[in-house]
Amino acid sequence: MQANHNLKDRVVEKVKQLSTEQIAKVEQFIDSLREQNPDAQLTLISTKIAESVFDKVWDNPEDADYDNL
């Protein structure tokens, strides 16, 4: 997990050094990478849809004691 965090930090630092135009290109590249993996997109969309349902189910007074565990 730490290695992943370090990688993210290094990427963020490199992006901070880019011009606005270069950052826009990086963003486009990232978007194109996402589009190459439709399963990941489907998983992300499904997760977002499910969040609201789970919020309704899990956010209730009967289960409030479990929130403190």
C-alpha atoms as a PDB file:
ATOM      1  CA  MET A   1       0.000   0.000   0.000  1.00  0.00           C
ATOM      2  CA  GLN A   2       2.857   2.367   0.831  1.00  0.00           C
ATOM      3  CA  ALA A   3       4.459   1.838  -2.579  1.00  0.00           C
ATOM      4  CA  ASN A   4       1.183   2.797  -4.264  1.00  0.00           C
ATOM      5  CA  HIS A   5       0.992   5.956  -2.149  1.00  0.00           C
ATOM      6  CA  ASN A   6       4.575   6.881  -3.046  1.00  0.00           C
ATOM      7  CA  LEU A   7       3.841   6.382  -6.732  1.00  0.00           C
ATOM      8  CA  LYS A   8       0.810   8.666  -6.509  1.00  0.00           C
ATOM      9  CA  ASP A   9       2.882  11.296  -4.707  1.00  0.00           C
ATOM     10  CA  ARG A  10       5.569  11.159  -7.400  1.00  0.00           C
ATOM     11  CA  VAL A  11       3.000  11.514 -10.178  1.00  0.00           C
ATOM     12  CA  VAL A  12       1.303  14.431  -8.430  1.00  0.00           C
ATOM     13  CA  GLU A  13       4.627  16.209  -7.998  1.00  0.00           C
ATOM     14  CA  LYS A  14       5.475  15.744 -11.661  1.00  0.00           C
ATOM     15  CA  VAL A  15       2.062  17.020 -12.776  1.00  0.00           C
ATOM     16  CA  LYS A  16       2.477  20.109 -10.580  1.00  0.00           C
ATOM     17  CA  GLN A  17       5.539  21.034 -12.650  1.00  0.00           C
ATOM     18  CA  LEU A  18       3.666  20.972 -15.973  1.00  0.00           C
ATOM     19  CA  SER A  19       2.087  23.867 -17.815  1.00  0.00           C
ATOM     20  CA  THR A  20      -1.696  24.194 -18.044  1.00  0.00           C
ATOM     21  CA  GLU A  21      -1.627  22.902 -21.609  1.00  0.00           C
ATOM     22  CA  GLN A  22       0.459  19.893 -20.616  1.00  0.00           C
ATOM     23  CA  ILE A  23      -1.879  19.119 -17.715  1.00  0.00           C
ATOM     24  CA  ALA A  24      -4.809  19.135 -20.153  1.00  0.00           C
ATOM     25  CA  LYS A  25      -2.957  16.577 -22.285  1.00  0.00           C
ATOM     26  CA  VAL A  26      -2.279  14.424 -19.232  1.00  0.00           C
ATOM     27  CA  GLU A  27      -5.970  14.532 -18.371  1.00  0.00           C
ATOM     28  CA  GLN A  28      -6.901  13.490 -21.904  1.00  0.00           C
ATOM     29  CA  PHE A  29      -4.418  10.636 -21.707  1.00  0.00           C
ATOM     30  CA  ILE A  30      -5.874   9.445 -18.409  1.00  0.00           C
ATOM     31  CA  ASP A  31      -9.378   9.579 -19.888  1.00  0.00           C
ATOM     32  CA  SER A  32      -8.221   7.521 -22.867  1.00  0.00           C
ATOM     33  CA  LEU A  33      -6.728   4.910 -20.522  1.00  0.00           C
ATOM     34  CA  ARG A  34     -10.057   4.632 -18.719  1.00  0.00           C
ATOM     35  CA  GLU A  35     -11.906   4.177 -22.001  1.00  0.00           C
ATOM     36  CA  GLN A  36      -9.599   1.294 -22.906  1.00  0.00           C
ATOM     37  CA  ASN A  37     -10.925  -0.674 -19.930  1.00  0.00           C
ATOM     38  CA  PRO A  38     -14.732  -0.806 -20.249  1.00  0.00           C
ATOM     39  CA  ASP A  39     -15.013  -3.298 -17.378  1.00  0.00           C
ATOM     40  CA  ALA A  40     -13.476  -0.767 -15.025  1.00  0.00           C
ATOM     41  CA  GLN A  41     -15.936   1.864 -16.252  1.00  0.00           C
ATOM     42  CA  LEU A  42     -18.853  -0.503 -15.679  1.00  0.00           C
ATOM     43  CA  THR A  43     -17.607  -1.310 -12.186  1.00  0.00           C
ATOM     44  CA  LEU A  44     -17.221   2.372 -11.340  1.00  0.00           C
ATOM     45  CA  ILE A  45     -20.687   3.256 -12.626  1.00  0.00           C
ATOM     46  CA  SER A  46     -22.263   0.290 -10.819  1.00  0.00           C
ATOM     47  CA  THR A  47     -20.561   1.261  -7.596  1.00  0.00           C
ATOM     48  CA  LYS A  48     -21.791   4.839  -7.843  1.00  0.00           C
ATOM     49  CA  ILE A  49     -25.347   3.659  -8.464  1.00  0.00           C
ATOM     50  CA  ALA A  50     -25.205   1.212  -5.562  1.00  0.00           C
ATOM     51  CA  GLU A  51     -23.902   3.832  -3.107  1.00  0.00           C
ATOM     52  CA  SER A  52     -27.236   5.619  -2.848  1.00  0.00           C
ATOM     53  CA  VAL A  53     -29.077   2.346  -2.296  1.00  0.00           C
ATOM     54  CA  PHE A  54     -26.652   1.232   0.392  1.00  0.00           C
ATOM     55  CA  ASP A  55     -26.859   4.635   2.066  1.00  0.00           C
ATOM     56  CA  LYS A  56     -30.618   4.229   2.412  1.00  0.00           C
ATOM     57  CA  VAL A  57     -30.313   0.687   3.752  1.00  0.00           C
ATOM     58  CA  TRP A  58     -27.396   1.246   6.105  1.00  0.00           C
ATOM     59  CA  ASP A  59     -28.307   4.692   7.413  1.00  0.00           C
ATOM     60  CA  ASN A  60     -30.962   3.766   9.939  1.00  0.00           C
ATOM     61  CA  PRO A  61     -31.382   4.063  13.719  1.00  0.00           C
ATOM     62  CA  GLU A  62     -31.411   0.288  14.259  1.00  0.00           C
ATOM     63  CA  ASP A  63     -27.877  -0.059  12.902  1.00  0.00           C
ATOM     64  CA  ALA A  64     -26.485   3.115  14.456  1.00  0.00           C
ATOM     65  CA  ASP A  65     -24.716   1.103  17.190  1.00  0.00           C
ATOM     66  CA  TYR A  66     -22.603  -0.611  14.539  1.00  0.00           C
ATOM     67  CA  ASP A  67     -21.322   2.754  13.308  1.00  0.00           C
ATOM     68  CA  ASN A  68     -19.352   3.123  16.529  1.00  0.00           C
ATOM     69  CA  LEU A  69     -17.531  -0.233  16.278  1.00  0.00           C
END
